[in-house]
PDB file of N, CA and C in Angstrom:
ATOM      1  N   MET A   1      33.788 -55.327  50.228  1.00  0.00           N
ATOM      2  CA  MET A   1      34.343 -55.239  48.813  1.00  0.00           C
ATOM      3  C   MET A   1      33.228 -56.249  48.305  1.00  0.00           C
ATOM      4  N   ASN A   2      33.048 -56.288  47.155  1.00  0.00           N
ATOM      5  CA  ASN A   2      32.151 -57.186  46.009  1.00  0.00           C
ATOM      6  C   ASN A   2      33.324 -57.571  45.088  1.00  0.00           C
ATOM      7  N   LEU A   3      33.645 -59.082  45.142  1.00  0.00           N
ATOM      8  CA  LEU A   3      34.582 -59.324  44.011  1.00  0.00           C
ATOM      9  C   LEU A   3      34.382 -59.317  42.706  1.00  0.00           C
ATOM     10  N   LEU A   4      33.182 -59.317  42.311  1.00  0.00           N
ATOM     11  CA  LEU A   4      32.835 -59.572  41.135  1.00  0.00           C
ATOM     12  C   LEU A   4      32.797 -57.973  40.507  1.00  0.00           C
ATOM     13  N   ASP A   5      32.504 -56.899  41.209  1.00  0.00           N
ATOM     14  CA  ASP A   5      32.622 -55.552  41.009  1.00  0.00           C
ATOM     15  C   ASP A   5      34.231 -55.137  40.833  1.00  0.00           C
ATOM     16  N   GLU A   6      34.767 -55.768  41.873  1.00  0.00           N
ATOM     17  CA  GLU A   6      36.111 -55.590  41.871  1.00  0.00           C
ATOM     18  C   GLU A   6      36.813 -55.901  40.710  1.00  0.00           C
ATOM     19  N   THR A   7      36.630 -57.392  40.207  1.00  0.00           N
ATOM     20  CA  THR A   7      37.223 -57.541  38.957  1.00  0.00           C
ATOM     21  C   THR A   7      36.978 -56.950  37.740  1.00  0.00           C
ATOM     22  N   LYS A   8      35.680 -56.608  37.545  1.00  0.00           N
ATOM     23  CA  LYS A   8      35.361 -56.359  36.358  1.00  0.00           C
ATOM     24  C   LYS A   8      35.950 -54.406  36.561  1.00  0.00           C
ATOM     25  N   SER A   9      36.231 -53.705  37.624  1.00  0.00           N
ATOM     26  CA  SER A   9      36.960 -52.576  37.383  1.00  0.00           C
ATOM     27  C   SER A   9      38.326 -53.193  37.212  1.00  0.00           C
ATOM     28  N   ALA A  10      38.852 -53.981  37.543  1.00  0.00           N
ATOM     29  CA  ALA A  10      40.301 -54.380  37.402  1.00  0.00           C
ATOM     30  C   ALA A  10      40.760 -54.826  35.975  1.00  0.00           C
ATOM     31  N   ILE A  11      39.583 -55.365  35.140  1.00  0.00           N
ATOM     32  CA  ILE A  11      39.546 -55.789  33.804  1.00  0.00           C
ATOM     33  C   ILE A  11      39.563 -54.664  33.058  1.00  0.00           C
ATOM     34  N   SER A  12      38.904 -53.629  33.270  1.00  0.00           N
ATOM     35  CA  SER A  12      38.555 -52.094  32.701  1.00  0.00           C
ATOM     36  C   SER A  12      40.031 -51.479  32.589  1.00  0.00           C
ATOM     37  N   ARG A  13      40.405 -51.446  33.876  1.00  0.00           N
ATOM     38  CA  ARG A  13      41.471 -50.822  34.222  1.00  0.00           C
ATOM     39  C   ARG A  13      42.918 -51.369  33.439  1.00  0.00           C
ATOM     40  N   SER A  14      42.725 -52.820  33.161  1.00  0.00           N
ATOM     41  CA  SER A  14      43.793 -53.437  32.267  1.00  0.00           C
ATOM     42  C   SER A  14      43.503 -53.024  30.930  1.00  0.00           C
ATOM     43  N   LYS A  15      42.586 -52.442  30.325  1.00  0.00           N
ATOM     44  CA  LYS A  15      41.920 -51.980  29.094  1.00  0.00           C
ATOM     45  C   LYS A  15      41.734 -53.239  28.498  1.00  0.00           C
ATOM     46  N   HIS A  16      40.888 -54.157  29.335  1.00  0.00           N
ATOM     47  CA  HIS A  16      40.307 -55.104  28.548  1.00  0.00           C
ATOM     48  C   HIS A  16      38.951 -55.425  28.640  1.00  0.00           C
ATOM     49  N   SER A  17      38.032 -56.135  28.216  1.00  0.00           N
ATOM     50  CA  SER A  17      36.605 -55.831  28.478  1.00  0.00           C
ATOM     51  C   SER A  17      36.393 -57.627  28.825  1.00  0.00           C
ATOM     52  N   THR A  18      35.237 -57.942  29.119  1.00  0.00           N
ATOM     53  CA  THR A  18      34.943 -59.242  29.518  1.00  0.00           C
ATOM     54  C   THR A  18      34.858 -59.944  28.507  1.00  0.00           C
ATOM     55  N   ASP A  19      35.130 -59.571  27.655  1.00  0.00           N
ATOM     56  CA  ASP A  19      34.693 -60.434  25.791  1.00  0.00           C
ATOM     57  C   ASP A  19      36.342 -60.853  26.028  1.00  0.00           C
ATOM     58  N   ASP A  20      37.078 -60.018  26.654  1.00  0.00           N
ATOM     59  CA  ASP A  20      38.562 -60.752  26.264  1.00  0.00           C
ATOM     60  C   ASP A  20      38.956 -62.002  27.437  1.00  0.00           C
ATOM     61  N   VAL A  21      38.250 -62.105  28.465  1.00  0.00           N
ATOM     62  CA  VAL A  21      38.561 -63.144  29.402  1.00  0.00           C
ATOM     63  C   VAL A  21      38.497 -64.714  28.548  1.00  0.00           C
ATOM     64  N   ARG A  22      39.999 -65.197  28.642  1.00  0.00           N
ATOM     65  CA  ARG A  22      39.748 -66.571  28.169  1.00  0.00           C
ATOM     66  C   ARG A  22      39.203 -67.533  29.387  1.00  0.00           C
ATOM     67  N   PHE A  23      39.594 -67.259  30.387  1.00  0.00           N
ATOM     68  CA  PHE A  23      38.945 -68.201  31.482  1.00  0.00           C
ATOM     69  C   PHE A  23      39.408 -67.330  33.091  1.00  0.00           C
ATOM     70  N   VAL A  24      38.639 -68.026  33.806  1.00  0.00           N
ATOM     71  CA  VAL A  24      38.929 -67.581  35.284  1.00  0.00           C
ATOM     72  C   VAL A  24      39.178 -68.421  36.194  1.00  0.00           C
ATOM     73  N   GLY A  25      40.450 -68.707  36.755  1.00  0.00           N
ATOM     74  CA  GLY A  25      40.392 -70.227  37.461  1.00  0.00           C
ATOM     75  C   GLY A  25      41.854 -69.801  38.283  1.00  0.00           C
ATOM     76  N   SER A  26      42.513 -71.112  38.479  1.00  0.00           N
ATOM     77  CA  SER A  26      44.005 -70.898  38.896  1.00  0.00           C
ATOM     78  C   SER A  26      45.044 -71.000  38.397  1.00  0.00           C
ATOM     79  N   ARG A  27      46.322 -70.185  38.927  1.00  0.00           N
ATOM     80  CA  ARG A  27      47.050 -69.949  38.265  1.00  0.00           C
ATOM     81  C   ARG A  27      48.086 -70.911  37.292  1.00  0.00           C
ATOM     82  N   ASP A  28      47.762 -72.071  37.836  1.00  0.00           N
ATOM     83  CA  ASP A  28      48.428 -73.435  37.018  1.00  0.00           C
ATOM     84  C   ASP A  28      47.733 -73.921  35.713  1.00  0.00           C
ATOM     85  N   GLY A  29      46.197 -73.271  36.180  1.00  0.00           N
ATOM     86  CA  GLY A  29      45.771 -73.727  35.198  1.00  0.00           C
ATOM     87  C   GLY A  29      44.193 -74.902  35.110  1.00  0.00           C
ATOM     88  N   LYS A  30      44.713 -75.317  36.033  1.00  0.00           N
ATOM     89  CA  LYS A  30      44.084 -76.981  36.475  1.00  0.00           C
ATOM     90  C   LYS A  30      42.496 -76.564  36.610  1.00  0.00           C
ATOM     91  N   LEU A  31      42.256 -75.424  37.080  1.00  0.00           N
ATOM     92  CA  LEU A  31      40.870 -75.163  37.250  1.00  0.00           C
ATOM     93  C   LEU A  31      40.531 -74.124  36.472  1.00  0.00           C
ATOM     94  N   GLY A  32      39.412 -74.090  35.536  1.00  0.00           N
ATOM     95  CA  GLY A  32      38.865 -72.904  34.637  1.00  0.00           C
ATOM     96  C   GLY A  32      37.802 -72.812  34.560  1.00  0.00           C
ATOM     97  N   ILE A  33      37.434 -71.698  34.558  1.00  0.00           N
ATOM     98  CA  ILE A  33      35.510 -71.429  34.070  1.00  0.00           C
ATOM     99  C   ILE A  33      35.509 -70.515  33.011  1.00  0.00           C
ATOM    100  N   PRO A  34      35.298 -70.707  32.019  1.00  0.00           N
ATOM    101  CA  PRO A  34      34.527 -69.137  31.298  1.00  0.00           C
ATOM    102  C   PRO A  34      33.962 -67.859  31.959  1.00  0.00           C
ATOM    103  N   TRP A  35      34.123 -66.908  31.524  1.00  0.00           N
ATOM    104  CA  TRP A  35      33.708 -65.523  32.064  1.00  0.00           C
ATOM    105  C   TRP A  35      32.026 -65.416  32.427  1.00  0.00           C
ATOM    106  N   SER A  36      31.219 -66.330  31.717  1.00  0.00           N
ATOM    107  CA  SER A  36      29.724 -66.658  31.657  1.00  0.00           C
ATOM    108  C   SER A  36      29.689 -67.105  33.062  1.00  0.00           C
ATOM    109  N   GLN A  37      30.395 -68.175  33.550  1.00  0.00           N
ATOM    110  CA  GLN A  37      30.018 -68.842  34.555  1.00  0.00           C
ATOM    111  C   GLN A  37      30.519 -68.514  35.766  1.00  0.00           C
ATOM    112  N   ALA A  38      31.892 -67.689  35.558  1.00  0.00           N
ATOM    113  CA  ALA A  38      32.712 -66.799  36.589  1.00  0.00           C
ATOM    114  C   ALA A  38      31.794 -65.849  37.219  1.00  0.00           C
ATOM    115  N   GLU A  39      31.012 -65.123  36.389  1.00  0.00           N
ATOM    116  CA  GLU A  39      30.343 -63.666  37.444  1.00  0.00           C
ATOM    117  C   GLU A  39      29.466 -64.364  38.287  1.00  0.00           C
ATOM    118  N   LYS A  40      29.064 -65.619  37.963  1.00  0.00           N
ATOM    119  CA  LYS A  40      28.379 -65.986  39.342  1.00  0.00           C
ATOM    120  C   LYS A  40      28.717 -66.408  40.904  1.00  0.00           C
ATOM    121  N   VAL A  41      30.208 -66.772  39.941  1.00  0.00           N
ATOM    122  CA  VAL A  41      30.862 -67.457  41.497  1.00  0.00           C
ATOM    123  C   VAL A  41      31.793 -66.182  42.027  1.00  0.00           C
ATOM    124  N   LEU A  42      31.890 -65.326  41.452  1.00  0.00           N
ATOM    125  CA  LEU A  42      32.784 -64.100  41.810  1.00  0.00           C
ATOM    126  C   LEU A  42      31.367 -63.023  42.594  1.00  0.00           C
ATOM    127  N   ASP A  43      30.308 -63.484  42.480  1.00  0.00           N
ATOM    128  CA  ASP A  43      29.935 -62.284  43.321  1.00  0.00           C
ATOM    129  C   ASP A  43      29.292 -62.592  44.324  1.00  0.00           C
ATOM    130  N   ILE A  44      30.500 -62.260  45.272  1.00  0.00           N
ATOM    131  CA  ILE A  44      30.515 -62.219  46.508  1.00  0.00           C
ATOM    132  C   ILE A  44      31.044 -61.058  47.233  1.00  0.00           C
ATOM    133  N   ASP A  45      30.599 -61.122  48.919  1.00  0.00           N
ATOM    134  CA  ASP A  45      31.146 -59.926  49.232  1.00  0.00           C
ATOM    135  C   ASP A  45      32.542 -60.481  50.474  1.00  0.00           C
ATOM    136  N   TYR A  46      33.377 -59.541  50.235  1.00  0.00           N
ATOM    137  CA  TYR A  46      34.550 -60.324  51.156  1.00  0.00           C
ATOM    138  C   TYR A  46      35.108 -58.719  51.999  1.00  0.00           C
ATOM    139  N   ASP A  47      35.912 -59.112  53.265  1.00  0.00           N
ATOM    140  CA  ASP A  47      36.780 -58.061  53.376  1.00  0.00           C
ATOM    141  C   ASP A  47      38.104 -57.739  52.879  1.00  0.00           C
ATOM    142  N   ASP A  48      38.435 -56.579  52.448  1.00  0.00           N
ATOM    143  CA  ASP A  48      39.427 -56.396  51.434  1.00  0.00           C
ATOM    144  C   ASP A  48      40.577 -55.813  52.298  1.00  0.00           C
ATOM    145  N   GLY A  49      40.236 -55.684  53.456  1.00  0.00           N
ATOM    146  CA  GLY A  49      41.135 -54.470  54.595  1.00  0.00           C
ATOM    147  C   GLY A  49      42.142 -55.672  55.400  1.00  0.00           C
ATOM    148  N   TYR A  50      42.668 -54.925  56.251  1.00  0.00           N
ATOM    149  CA  TYR A  50      43.869 -55.707  56.804  1.00  0.00           C
ATOM    150  C   TYR A  50      43.120 -57.064  57.699  1.00  0.00           C
ATOM    151  N   GLY A  51      44.102 -58.013  57.871  1.00  0.00           N
ATOM    152  CA  GLY A  51      43.616 -59.297  58.285  1.00  0.00           C
ATOM    153  C   GLY A  51      43.581 -60.357  57.927  1.00  0.00           C
ATOM    154  N   ASP A  52      43.247 -61.178  57.656  1.00  0.00           N
ATOM    155  CA  ASP A  52      43.394 -62.433  57.171  1.00  0.00           C
ATOM    156  C   ASP A  52      42.949 -62.461  54.896  1.00  0.00           C
ATOM    157  N   GLN A  53      43.518 -62.737  54.406  1.00  0.00           N
ATOM    158  CA  GLN A  53      43.589 -62.919  52.859  1.00  0.00           C
ATOM    159  C   GLN A  53      42.039 -63.782  53.219  1.00  0.00           C
ATOM    160  N   GLU A  54      41.277 -63.264  52.420  1.00  0.00           N
ATOM    161  CA  GLU A  54      40.177 -64.146  52.140  1.00  0.00           C
ATOM    162  C   GLU A  54      39.787 -64.971  50.904  1.00  0.00           C
ATOM    163  N   ILE A  55      40.541 -64.378  50.039  1.00  0.00           N
ATOM    164  CA  ILE A  55      40.109 -64.900  48.356  1.00  0.00           C
ATOM    165  C   ILE A  55      41.702 -65.648  48.021  1.00  0.00           C
ATOM    166  N   ALA A  56      41.060 -66.767  47.174  1.00  0.00           N
ATOM    167  CA  ALA A  56      42.425 -67.916  46.968  1.00  0.00           C
ATOM    168  C   ALA A  56      43.250 -66.909  46.152  1.00  0.00           C
ATOM    169  N   VAL A  57      44.632 -67.341  47.039  1.00  0.00           N
ATOM    170  CA  VAL A  57      45.883 -66.350  46.609  1.00  0.00           C
ATOM    171  C   VAL A  57      46.374 -66.746  44.744  1.00  0.00           C
ATOM    172  N   ASP A  58      45.687 -67.858  44.584  1.00  0.00           N
ATOM    173  CA  ASP A  58      46.076 -68.408  43.266  1.00  0.00           C
ATOM    174  C   ASP A  58      44.935 -68.040  41.838  1.00  0.00           C
ATOM    175  N   LEU A  59      43.919 -67.340  42.343  1.00  0.00           N
ATOM    176  CA  LEU A  59      43.085 -66.804  41.578  1.00  0.00           C
ATOM    177  C   LEU A  59      43.659 -65.986  40.351  1.00  0.00           C
ATOM    178  N   VAL A  60      43.020 -66.244  39.319  1.00  0.00           N
ATOM    179  CA  VAL A  60      43.641 -65.581  38.181  1.00  0.00           C
ATOM    180  C   VAL A  60      42.487 -65.212  36.988  1.00  0.00           C
ATOM    181  N   VAL A  61      42.267 -64.276  36.277  1.00  0.00           N
ATOM    182  CA  VAL A  61      41.710 -64.090  35.126  1.00  0.00           C
ATOM    183  C   VAL A  61      42.728 -63.959  33.972  1.00  0.00           C
ATOM    184  N   VAL A  62      42.370 -64.382  33.186  1.00  0.00           N
ATOM    185  CA  VAL A  62      43.564 -64.770  32.057  1.00  0.00           C
ATOM    186  C   VAL A  62      42.832 -64.189  30.808  1.00  0.00           C
ATOM    187  N   PHE A  63      43.300 -63.431  30.093  1.00  0.00           N
ATOM    188  CA  PHE A  63      42.934 -62.782  28.907  1.00  0.00           C
ATOM    189  C   PHE A  63      43.410 -63.403  27.529  1.00  0.00           C
ATOM    190  N   THR A  64      42.942 -63.284  26.393  1.00  0.00           N
ATOM    191  CA  THR A  64      43.514 -64.065  24.917  1.00  0.00           C
ATOM    192  C   THR A  64      44.472 -63.533  24.624  1.00  0.00           C
ATOM    193  N   ASP A  65      44.839 -62.128  25.274  1.00  0.00           N
ATOM    194  CA  ASP A  65      46.169 -61.712  24.402  1.00  0.00           C
ATOM    195  C   ASP A  65      47.364 -62.196  25.625  1.00  0.00           C
ATOM    196  N   GLY A  66      46.923 -63.043  26.362  1.00  0.00           N
ATOM    197  CA  GLY A  66      48.104 -63.790  27.493  1.00  0.00           C
ATOM    198  C   GLY A  66      48.263 -62.910  28.662  1.00  0.00           C
ATOM    199  N   GLY A  67      48.097 -61.754  28.925  1.00  0.00           N
ATOM    200  CA  GLY A  67      47.853 -61.005  29.900  1.00  0.00           C
ATOM    201  C   GLY A  67      47.090 -61.462  31.001  1.00  0.00           C
ATOM    202  N   PHE A  68      47.034 -61.355  32.113  1.00  0.00           N
ATOM    203  CA  PHE A  68      45.997 -61.628  33.205  1.00  0.00           C
ATOM    204  C   PHE A  68      46.298 -60.707  34.208  1.00  0.00           C
ATOM    205  N   LEU A  69      44.713 -60.978  35.345  1.00  0.00           N
ATOM    206  CA  LEU A  69      45.144 -60.397  36.774  1.00  0.00           C
ATOM    207  C   LEU A  69      45.422 -61.417  37.608  1.00  0.00           C
ATOM    208  N   ARG A  70      46.267 -61.000  38.612  1.00  0.00           N
ATOM    209  CA  ARG A  70      46.292 -62.104  39.684  1.00  0.00           C
ATOM    210  C   ARG A  70      45.959 -61.047  41.113  1.00  0.00           C
ATOM    211  N   ARG A  71      45.898 -62.050  41.744  1.00  0.00           N
ATOM    212  CA  ARG A  71      46.099 -61.559  43.161  1.00  0.00           C
ATOM    213  C   ARG A  71      47.087 -60.907  44.243  1.00  0.00           C
ATOM    214  N   ALA A  72      47.014 -60.148  44.781  1.00  0.00           N
ATOM    215  CA  ALA A  72      48.133 -59.638  45.332  1.00  0.00           C
ATOM    216  C   ALA A  72      47.684 -59.084  46.570  1.00  0.00           C
ATOM    217  N   GLU A  73      48.435 -59.018  47.809  1.00  0.00           N
ATOM    218  CA  GLU A  73      47.741 -58.572  49.148  1.00  0.00           C
ATOM    219  C   GLU A  73      49.185 -58.237  49.841  1.00  0.00           C
ATOM    220  N   TYR A  74      48.842 -57.263  50.956  1.00  0.00           N
ATOM    221  CA  TYR A  74      49.948 -56.963  51.863  1.00  0.00           C
ATOM    222  C   TYR A  74      48.840 -57.185  53.369  1.00  0.00           C
ATOM    223  N   ASP A  75      49.276 -57.968  54.075  1.00  0.00           N
ATOM    224  CA  ASP A  75      49.247 -57.865  55.235  1.00  0.00           C
ATOM    225  C   ASP A  75      47.490 -58.278  55.543  1.00  0.00           C
ATOM    226  N   GLY A  76      47.026 -59.077  54.268  1.00  0.00           N
ATOM    227  CA  GLY A  76      45.550 -59.044  54.612  1.00  0.00           C
ATOM    228  C   GLY A  76      44.965 -58.491  53.288  1.00  0.00           C
ATOM    229  N   SER A  77      45.650 -57.621  53.417  1.00  0.00           N
ATOM    230  CA  SER A  77      44.799 -56.343  52.304  1.00  0.00           C
ATOM    231  C   SER A  77      45.024 -57.057  50.741  1.00  0.00           C
ATOM    232  N   GLU A  78      43.760 -57.087  50.033  1.00  0.00           N
ATOM    233  CA  GLU A  78      44.095 -57.760  48.789  1.00  0.00           C
ATOM    234  C   GLU A  78      43.349 -56.942  47.756  1.00  0.00           C
ATOM    235  N   TRP A  79      43.800 -57.086  46.492  1.00  0.00           N
ATOM    236  CA  TRP A  79      43.384 -56.676  45.299  1.00  0.00           C
ATOM    237  C   TRP A  79      44.151 -57.143  44.048  1.00  0.00           C
ATOM    238  N   TRP A  80      43.494 -56.812  42.628  1.00  0.00           N
ATOM    239  CA  TRP A  80      43.697 -57.538  41.377  1.00  0.00           C
ATOM    240  C   TRP A  80      45.085 -56.875  41.114  1.00  0.00           C
ATOM    241  N   GLU A  81      45.872 -56.990  40.526  1.00  0.00           N
ATOM    242  CA  GLU A  81      47.350 -56.647  39.971  1.00  0.00           C
ATOM    243  C   GLU A  81      47.753 -57.262  38.473  1.00  0.00           C
ATOM    244  N   TYR A  82      47.389 -56.359  37.362  1.00  0.00           N
ATOM    245  CA  TYR A  82      47.693 -56.665  36.001  1.00  0.00           C
ATOM    246  C   TYR A  82      48.852 -57.272  35.775  1.00  0.00           C
ATOM    247  N   GLU A  83      49.342 -58.274  34.801  1.00  0.00           N
ATOM    248  CA  GLU A  83      50.563 -58.824  34.567  1.00  0.00           C
ATOM    249  C   GLU A  83      50.340 -58.841  32.833  1.00  0.00           C
ATOM    250  N   PRO A  84      51.131 -57.715  32.092  1.00  0.00           N
ATOM    251  CA  PRO A  84      50.966 -57.855  30.673  1.00  0.00           C
ATOM    252  C   PRO A  84      51.418 -59.378  30.094  1.00  0.00           C
ATOM    253  N   PRO A  85      51.166 -59.482  28.772  1.00  0.00           N
ATOM    254  CA  PRO A  85      51.682 -60.525  27.786  1.00  0.00           C
ATOM    255  C   PRO A  85      52.913 -60.791  28.194  1.00  0.00           C
ATOM    256  N   PHE A  86      53.410 -61.790  28.077  1.00  0.00           N
ATOM    257  CA  PHE A  86      55.201 -61.691  28.223  1.00  0.00           C
ATOM    258  C   PHE A  86      55.731 -61.710  26.493  1.00  0.00           C
ATOM    259  N   ARG A  87      56.563 -60.579  26.060  1.00  0.00           N
ATOM    260  CA  ARG A  87      57.054 -60.448  24.354  1.00  0.00           C
ATOM    261  C   ARG A  87      58.482 -60.705  25.019  1.00  0.00           C
ATOM    262  N   VAL A  88      58.691 -61.683  23.868  1.00  0.00           N
ATOM    263  CA  VAL A  88      60.359 -61.924  24.186  1.00  0.00           C
ATOM    264  C   VAL A  88      60.977 -60.864  23.394  1.00  0.00           C
ATOM    265  N   PRO A  89      62.096 -60.163  23.815  1.00  0.00           N
ATOM    266  CA  PRO A  89      62.628 -59.220  23.139  1.00  0.00           C
ATOM    267  C   PRO A  89      63.470 -59.459  21.871  1.00  0.00           C
ATOM    268  N   ALA A  90      63.292 -58.806  20.938  1.00  0.00           N
ATOM    269  CA  ALA A  90      64.535 -59.077  19.538  1.00  0.00           C
ATOM    270  C   ALA A  90      65.687 -59.199  19.787  1.00  0.00           C
ATOM    271  N   MET A  91      66.167 -58.606  20.907  1.00  0.00           N
ATOM    272  CA  MET A  91      67.539 -59.437  21.111  1.00  0.00           C
ATOM    273  C   MET A  91      68.068 -59.405  22.829  1.00  0.00           C
ATOM    274  N   GLN A  92      68.480 -60.461  22.742  1.00  0.00           N
ATOM    275  CA  GLN A  92      69.175 -60.815  24.150  1.00  0.00           C
ATOM    276  C   GLN A  92      70.184 -61.291  24.457  1.00  0.00           C
ATOM    277  N   TRP A  93      70.709 -61.256  25.275  1.00  0.00           N
ATOM    278  CA  TRP A  93      72.339 -61.236  26.033  1.00  0.00           C
ATOM    279  C   TRP A  93      72.164 -62.411  26.506  1.00  0.00           C
ATOM    280  N   PRO A  94      73.520 -63.480  26.197  1.00  0.00           N
ATOM    281  CA  PRO A  94      73.590 -65.028  27.301  1.00  0.00           C
ATOM    282  C   PRO A  94      74.243 -64.268  28.484  1.00  0.00           C
ATOM    283  N   PHE A  95      73.770 -65.264  29.211  1.00  0.00           N
ATOM    284  CA  PHE A  95      74.175 -65.162  30.782  1.00  0.00           C
ATOM    285  C   PHE A  95      74.766 -66.274  31.380  1.00  0.00           C
ATOM    286  N   LYS A  96      75.413 -66.816  32.371  1.00  0.00           N
ATOM    287  CA  LYS A  96      76.133 -67.900  33.121  1.00  0.00           C
ATOM    288  C   LYS A  96      75.657 -67.941  34.707  1.00  0.00           C
ATOM    289  N   LEU A  97      75.431 -66.700  34.972  1.00  0.00           N
ATOM    290  CA  LEU A  97      74.880 -66.715  36.737  1.00  0.00           C
ATOM    291  C   LEU A  97      73.504 -66.665  37.130  1.00  0.00           C
ATOM    292  N   VAL A  98      73.084 -67.758  37.772  1.00  0.00           N
ATOM    293  CA  VAL A  98      71.670 -67.729  38.259  1.00  0.00           C
ATOM    294  C   VAL A  98      71.717 -67.418  39.700  1.00  0.00           C
ATOM    295  N   LYS A  99      72.676 -67.743  40.607  1.00  0.00           N
ATOM    296  CA  LYS A  99      72.748 -67.598  41.964  1.00  0.00           C
ATOM    297  C   LYS A  99      73.260 -66.546  42.907  1.00  0.00           C
ATOM    298  N   ARG A 100      72.187 -65.888  43.704  1.00  0.00           N
ATOM    299  CA  ARG A 100      73.087 -64.475  44.069  1.00  0.00           C
ATOM    300  C   ARG A 100      74.315 -64.643  44.981  1.00  0.00           C
ATOM    301  N   LEU A 101      75.080 -63.909  44.664  1.00  0.00           N
ATOM    302  CA  LEU A 101      76.398 -63.664  45.365  1.00  0.00           C
ATOM    303  C   LEU A 101      76.722 -63.043  46.798  1.00  0.00           C
ATOM    304  N   SER A 102      75.771 -61.927  46.310  1.00  0.00           N
ATOM    305  CA  SER A 102      75.526 -60.849  47.876  1.00  0.00           C
ATOM    306  C   SER A 102      74.195 -60.315  48.060  1.00  0.00           C
ATOM    307  N   TYR A 103      73.796 -60.008  48.866  1.00  0.00           N
ATOM    308  CA  TYR A 103      72.333 -59.458  49.070  1.00  0.00           C
ATOM    309  C   TYR A 103      72.279 -58.108  48.499  1.00  0.00           C
ATOM    310  N   ARG A 104      73.027 -57.601  47.572  1.00  0.00           N
ATOM    311  CA  ARG A 104      72.665 -56.554  47.183  1.00  0.00           C
ATOM    312  C   ARG A 104      72.367 -56.822  45.506  1.00  0.00           C
ATOM    313  N   THR A 105      72.058 -58.020  44.942  1.00  0.00           N
ATOM    314  CA  THR A 105      71.887 -58.249  43.518  1.00  0.00           C
ATOM    315  C   THR A 105      70.944 -59.279  43.869  1.00  0.00           C
ATOM    316  N   ARG A 106      69.688 -58.848  42.848  1.00  0.00           N
ATOM    317  CA  ARG A 106      68.563 -59.927  42.869  1.00  0.00           C
ATOM    318  C   ARG A 106      68.133 -60.294  41.515  1.00  0.00           C
ATOM    319  N   LEU A 107      68.537 -59.278  40.600  1.00  0.00           N
ATOM    320  CA  LEU A 107      67.993 -59.562  39.373  1.00  0.00           C
ATOM    321  C   LEU A 107      69.038 -60.638  38.452  1.00  0.00           C
ATOM    322  N   LEU A 108      68.959 -61.183  37.615  1.00  0.00           N
ATOM    323  CA  LEU A 108      69.440 -61.808  36.626  1.00  0.00           C
ATOM    324  C   LEU A 108      70.437 -61.166  35.840  1.00  0.00           C
ATOM    325  N   VAL A 109      69.895 -59.684  35.447  1.00  0.00           N
ATOM    326  CA  VAL A 109      71.426 -58.899  34.962  1.00  0.00           C
ATOM    327  C   VAL A 109      72.044 -58.184  35.791  1.00  0.00           C
ATOM    328  N   ASP A 110      71.840 -58.339  37.087  1.00  0.00           N
ATOM    329  CA  ASP A 110      72.563 -57.632  37.699  1.00  0.00           C
ATOM    330  C   ASP A 110      73.762 -58.750  38.311  1.00  0.00           C
ATOM    331  N   LEU A 111      73.405 -59.996  38.308  1.00  0.00           N
ATOM    332  CA  LEU A 111      74.122 -61.064  38.230  1.00  0.00           C
ATOM    333  C   LEU A 111      75.062 -61.069  37.301  1.00  0.00           C
ATOM    334  N   ASN A 112      74.763 -60.883  36.165  1.00  0.00           N
ATOM    335  CA  ASN A 112      75.998 -61.119  35.057  1.00  0.00           C
ATOM    336  C   ASN A 112      76.499 -59.662  34.551  1.00  0.00           C
ATOM    337  N   TYR A 113      75.628 -58.514  34.548  1.00  0.00           N
ATOM    338  CA  TYR A 113      76.498 -57.721  34.262  1.00  0.00           C
ATOM    339  C   TYR A 113      77.280 -56.553  34.932  1.00  0.00           C
ATOM    340  N   LEU A 114      76.332 -55.887  35.515  1.00  0.00           N
ATOM    341  CA  LEU A 114      76.273 -54.598  36.344  1.00  0.00           C
ATOM    342  C   LEU A 114      77.595 -54.867  37.569  1.00  0.00           C
ATOM    343  N   MET A 115      77.513 -56.103  37.856  1.00  0.00           N
ATOM    344  CA  MET A 115      78.832 -55.981  38.696  1.00  0.00           C
ATOM    345  C   MET A 115      80.073 -56.200  38.014  1.00  0.00           C
ATOM    346  N   GLU A 116      80.314 -56.815  36.827  1.00  0.00           N
ATOM    347  CA  GLU A 116      81.356 -56.816  36.342  1.00  0.00           C
ATOM    348  C   GLU A 116      81.718 -55.129  36.060  1.00  0.00           C
ATOM    349  N   ALA A 117      80.800 -54.442  35.392  1.00  0.00           N
ATOM    350  CA  ALA A 117      81.005 -53.231  35.324  1.00  0.00           C
ATOM    351  C   ALA A 117      81.744 -52.151  36.356  1.00  0.00           C
ATOM    352  N   THR A 118      81.193 -52.698  37.719  1.00  0.00           N
ATOM    353  CA  THR A 118      81.574 -51.747  38.922  1.00  0.00           C
ATOM    354  C   THR A 118      82.797 -52.297  39.293  1.00  0.00           C
ATOM    355  N   GLU A 119      83.564 -53.571  38.722  1.00  0.00           N
ATOM    356  CA  GLU A 119      84.463 -54.171  39.375  1.00  0.00           C
ATOM    357  C   GLU A 119      85.549 -53.370  38.254  1.00  0.00           C
ATOM    358  N   GLU A 120      85.395 -52.894  37.149  1.00  0.00           N
ATOM    359  CA  GLU A 120      86.942 -52.576  36.173  1.00  0.00           C
ATOM    360  C   GLU A 120      86.914 -51.027  36.829  1.00  0.00           C
TER     361      GLU A 120
END
């Protein structure tokens, strides 16, 4: 697989263009280059099949709207996944619990509200 071709396809699938790329770099933002420089770096071939993951796990492509592409993998098979920009909802509910009380609950909303509804 050619990483540059894969990245351009993922950018297109996310409904963005390379003009929308703010930077390519590490997820923590400490390393980053503009798209014009990233094209040369990403123009490499790698084995995207099962086995060892070859592309840096923290590599991201960040868009000007706050969305980004992140690397995903399963058993060494790897690809890009799109994360849309975070939008704060107009209405939010308060919560008090953050620690899981059972193996059946993993989400914040389940910890705070859905269990209460089933107990009644």
